[in-house]
Amino acid sequence: MVEIIGEKLILKEASETDIDELYDWKFSEKGREAKQWNGPYIPEDKMTRREYGWMWALDNNAFADIPDALVITVNQKVVGYVGAYWVDKNTNWLETGIVIYDSHYWNGGYGTEAYQLWIDFLFNHSGLHRLGMSTWSGNLRMIKVAEKLGMEEEARIRQAREVNGEYYDSIKMGILRSEWKGSKKKL
């Protein structure tokens, strides 16, 4: 069972109770505020609680012993999760992401700490060559977190994301293993 303890939070594998709480954040009214920032251009069909649980139960390992997602908890309260998915196994390239549903934990360094712990874990427990992330130019907080952790903008696809009738650029950022080891510092 993976559990990563930080200063402000813990990343851990999801229990059934955690998955239920994530479901509530993702699909109930209280959690919809996060959708304004986390891929608002991606249409999402509502799942049943059971379907959402099955999604978490499916092949949930990026590698044999590395889950593809961990829950973010603060004082034993589920506030979001970090995740990863393969872009190209042949070149050891994972795409990563983070969402904090509870807006009480925005702008307090929780996202930066969670994302740093996640990237560190992925590089330290795998042979990954690179990690990436994608967002949209309107999500300035995510871009700042990625920059703070040493990621560089690698691609900007102009006006590729439509949010509330306005076009934004799609942003691709990434970091190589050698850059992470060489630039890792306490934030």
Protein backbone atom coordinates (compact mmCIF):
# COMPACT_ATOMS: atom_id res chain seq x y z
CA MET A 1 0.00 0.00 0.00
CA VAL A 2 1.55 3.26 -1.15
CA GLU A 3 1.44 6.16 1.30
CA ILE A 4 3.56 9.29 0.86
CA ILE A 5 3.65 11.64 3.83
CA GLY A 6 4.32 15.31 3.18
CA GLU A 7 4.37 18.33 5.48
CA LYS A 8 0.76 19.39 4.78
CA LEU A 9 -0.81 16.30 3.25
CA ILE A 10 -0.66 12.60 2.54
CA LEU A 11 -0.87 10.87 -0.84
CA LYS A 12 -2.26 7.35 -0.55
CA GLU A 13 -3.97 4.60 -2.46
CA ALA A 14 -7.73 5.05 -2.50
CA SER A 15 -10.02 3.08 -0.22
CA GLU A 16 -13.69 2.50 -1.10
CA THR A 17 -14.62 5.35 1.25
CA ASP A 18 -12.10 7.65 -0.47
CA ILE A 19 -13.56 6.75 -3.88
CA ASP A 20 -17.05 7.58 -2.60
CA GLU A 21 -15.81 10.98 -1.42
CA LEU A 22 -14.08 11.64 -4.75
CA TYR A 23 -17.31 10.71 -6.52
CA ASP A 24 -19.18 13.28 -4.44
CA TRP A 25 -16.59 15.95 -5.23
CA LYS A 26 -16.54 15.14 -8.94
CA PHE A 27 -20.26 14.77 -9.58
CA SER A 28 -22.13 16.72 -6.90
CA GLU A 29 -22.68 20.45 -6.85
CA LYS A 30 -20.07 21.06 -4.17
CA GLY A 31 -17.25 19.87 -6.42
CA ARG A 32 -18.16 21.47 -9.71
CA GLU A 33 -16.05 24.57 -9.01
CA ALA A 34 -12.90 22.53 -9.74
CA LYS A 35 -14.27 21.63 -13.19
CA GLN A 36 -13.92 25.30 -14.16
CA TRP A 37 -10.13 24.75 -14.09
CA ASN A 38 -9.56 21.03 -14.55
CA GLY A 39 -10.28 20.35 -18.21
CA PRO A 40 -13.45 22.46 -18.55
CA TYR A 41 -13.32 21.85 -22.32
CA ILE A 42 -13.73 18.07 -21.86
CA PRO A 43 -17.37 16.98 -21.80
CA GLU A 44 -18.07 14.52 -19.01
CA ASP A 45 -21.01 12.21 -18.73
CA LYS A 46 -22.10 11.58 -15.19
CA MET A 47 -21.32 8.08 -13.99
CA THR A 48 -23.10 6.14 -11.34
CA ARG A 49 -21.26 5.69 -8.06
CA ARG A 50 -20.76 2.03 -8.97
CA GLU A 51 -19.32 2.84 -12.43
CA TYR A 52 -16.92 5.35 -10.87
CA GLY A 53 -15.80 2.71 -8.37
CA TRP A 54 -15.23 0.23 -11.21
CA MET A 55 -13.14 2.81 -13.06
CA TRP A 56 -10.85 3.08 -10.02
CA ALA A 57 -10.70 -0.72 -9.70
CA LEU A 58 -9.66 -1.36 -13.30
CA ASP A 59 -6.01 -1.89 -14.13
CA ASN A 60 -4.85 0.90 -11.89
CA ASN A 61 -1.10 0.45 -12.05
CA ALA A 62 1.21 2.53 -14.20
CA PHE A 63 3.88 -0.09 -13.43
CA ALA A 64 3.68 -3.36 -11.49
CA ASP A 65 3.90 -1.67 -8.08
CA ILE A 66 3.02 1.91 -8.97
CA PRO A 67 -0.63 2.97 -8.93
CA ASP A 68 -1.78 5.37 -11.63
CA ALA A 69 -3.51 7.59 -9.05
CA LEU A 70 -3.25 8.48 -5.39
CA VAL A 71 -5.73 10.33 -3.22
CA ILE A 72 -4.71 13.63 -1.61
CA THR A 73 -5.76 13.82 2.04
CA VAL A 74 -5.38 16.67 4.50
CA ASN A 75 -6.07 15.83 8.15
CA GLN A 76 -7.63 12.55 6.95
CA LYS A 77 -10.03 14.43 4.65
CA VAL A 78 -10.05 13.62 0.92
CA VAL A 79 -9.49 16.84 -1.05
CA GLY A 80 -8.39 15.55 -4.50
CA TYR A 81 -6.03 13.21 -6.28
CA VAL A 82 -2.92 12.97 -8.44
CA GLY A 83 -2.82 10.73 -11.47
CA ALA A 84 -0.80 9.54 -14.44
CA TYR A 85 -1.37 7.77 -17.72
CA TRP A 86 0.89 6.49 -20.46
CA VAL A 87 1.61 8.64 -23.48
CA ASP A 88 4.22 6.22 -24.83
CA LYS A 89 5.51 3.14 -22.99
CA ASN A 90 8.20 2.68 -25.65
CA THR A 91 9.89 5.92 -24.61
CA ASN A 92 9.02 5.80 -20.87
CA TRP A 93 6.75 8.85 -21.02
CA LEU A 94 3.87 9.39 -18.61
CA GLU A 95 1.45 12.31 -18.55
CA THR A 96 0.57 13.46 -15.03
CA GLY A 97 -2.08 15.57 -13.42
CA ILE A 98 -3.57 16.82 -10.21
CA VAL A 99 -6.96 18.07 -9.10
CA ILE A 100 -7.85 19.52 -5.74
CA TYR A 101 -11.63 19.59 -5.53
CA ASP A 102 -11.93 21.37 -2.20
CA SER A 103 -11.35 25.07 -2.93
CA HIS A 104 -10.41 25.66 0.72
CA TYR A 105 -7.09 24.06 -0.22
CA TRP A 106 -6.40 26.20 -3.28
CA ASN A 107 -3.61 28.79 -3.15
CA GLY A 108 -2.09 27.37 0.03
CA GLY A 109 0.76 25.31 -1.42
CA TYR A 110 -1.16 22.03 -1.20
CA GLY A 111 -1.17 21.48 -4.96
CA THR A 112 2.53 22.23 -5.26
CA GLU A 113 3.41 19.84 -2.43
CA ALA A 114 1.14 17.07 -3.73
CA TYR A 115 2.46 17.38 -7.28
CA GLN A 116 6.08 17.49 -6.12
CA LEU A 117 5.61 14.36 -4.00
CA TRP A 118 3.90 12.60 -6.94
CA ILE A 119 6.61 13.47 -9.48
CA ASP A 120 9.33 12.50 -7.03
CA PHE A 121 7.61 9.18 -6.32
CA LEU A 122 7.17 8.39 -10.02
CA PHE A 123 10.79 9.14 -10.90
CA ASN A 124 12.18 7.34 -7.82
CA HIS A 125 10.15 4.16 -8.29
CA SER A 126 10.39 3.71 -12.03
CA GLY A 127 12.68 3.97 -15.02
CA LEU A 128 10.70 6.85 -16.50
CA HIS A 129 12.61 9.14 -18.79
CA ARG A 130 10.11 12.00 -18.82
CA LEU A 131 6.90 13.23 -17.24
CA GLY A 132 4.52 15.65 -18.85
CA MET A 133 1.34 17.53 -18.11
CA SER A 134 -1.28 19.29 -20.21
CA THR A 135 -3.51 22.19 -19.35
CA TRP A 136 -5.04 25.27 -20.94
CA SER A 137 -3.72 28.83 -20.89
CA GLY A 138 -6.54 29.96 -18.60
CA ASN A 139 -5.34 27.69 -15.80
CA LEU A 140 -2.55 29.94 -14.58
CA ARG A 141 -2.28 28.22 -11.18
CA MET A 142 -1.46 24.85 -12.78
CA ILE A 143 1.09 26.46 -15.08
CA LYS A 144 2.76 28.17 -12.09
CA VAL A 145 2.88 24.91 -10.11
CA ALA A 146 4.49 23.09 -13.05
CA GLU A 147 7.04 25.89 -13.54
CA LYS A 148 7.85 25.95 -9.82
CA LEU A 149 8.64 22.23 -10.02
CA GLY A 150 10.99 22.70 -12.97
CA MET A 151 8.70 21.78 -15.86
CA GLU A 152 9.23 23.67 -19.10
CA GLU A 153 6.66 24.67 -21.65
CA GLU A 154 7.24 22.35 -24.59
CA ALA A 155 4.28 23.11 -26.80
CA ARG A 156 1.56 25.68 -27.16
CA ILE A 157 -1.27 24.86 -29.51
CA ARG A 158 -2.97 28.13 -30.24
CA GLN A 159 -6.67 28.54 -29.53
CA ALA A 160 -7.23 24.79 -29.22
CA ARG A 161 -9.43 24.85 -26.11
CA GLU A 162 -12.85 26.47 -25.91
CA VAL A 163 -14.05 27.50 -22.46
CA ASN A 164 -17.26 29.47 -21.99
CA GLY A 165 -17.30 30.53 -25.63
CA GLU A 166 -13.71 31.83 -25.59
CA TYR A 167 -10.66 30.14 -27.13
CA TYR A 168 -7.51 29.42 -25.11
CA ASP A 169 -4.18 27.84 -25.98
CA SER A 170 -3.46 24.22 -25.05
CA ILE A 171 -0.25 24.07 -23.01
CA LYS A 172 2.07 21.04 -22.83
CA MET A 173 4.80 21.05 -20.20
CA GLY A 174 7.36 18.45 -19.22
CA ILE A 175 10.43 17.50 -17.25
CA LEU A 176 13.15 14.92 -17.86
CA ARG A 177 14.51 12.62 -15.17
CA SER A 178 17.92 14.30 -15.44
CA GLU A 179 16.35 17.73 -14.90
CA TRP A 180 14.36 16.56 -11.89
CA LYS A 181 17.38 15.07 -10.15
CA GLY A 182 19.49 18.10 -10.97
CA SER A 183 17.03 20.78 -9.96
CA LYS A 184 15.06 19.18 -7.14
CA LYS A 185 14.88 21.47 -4.16
CA LYS A 186 12.74 21.97 -1.09
CA LEU A 187 9.83 24.25 -1.95
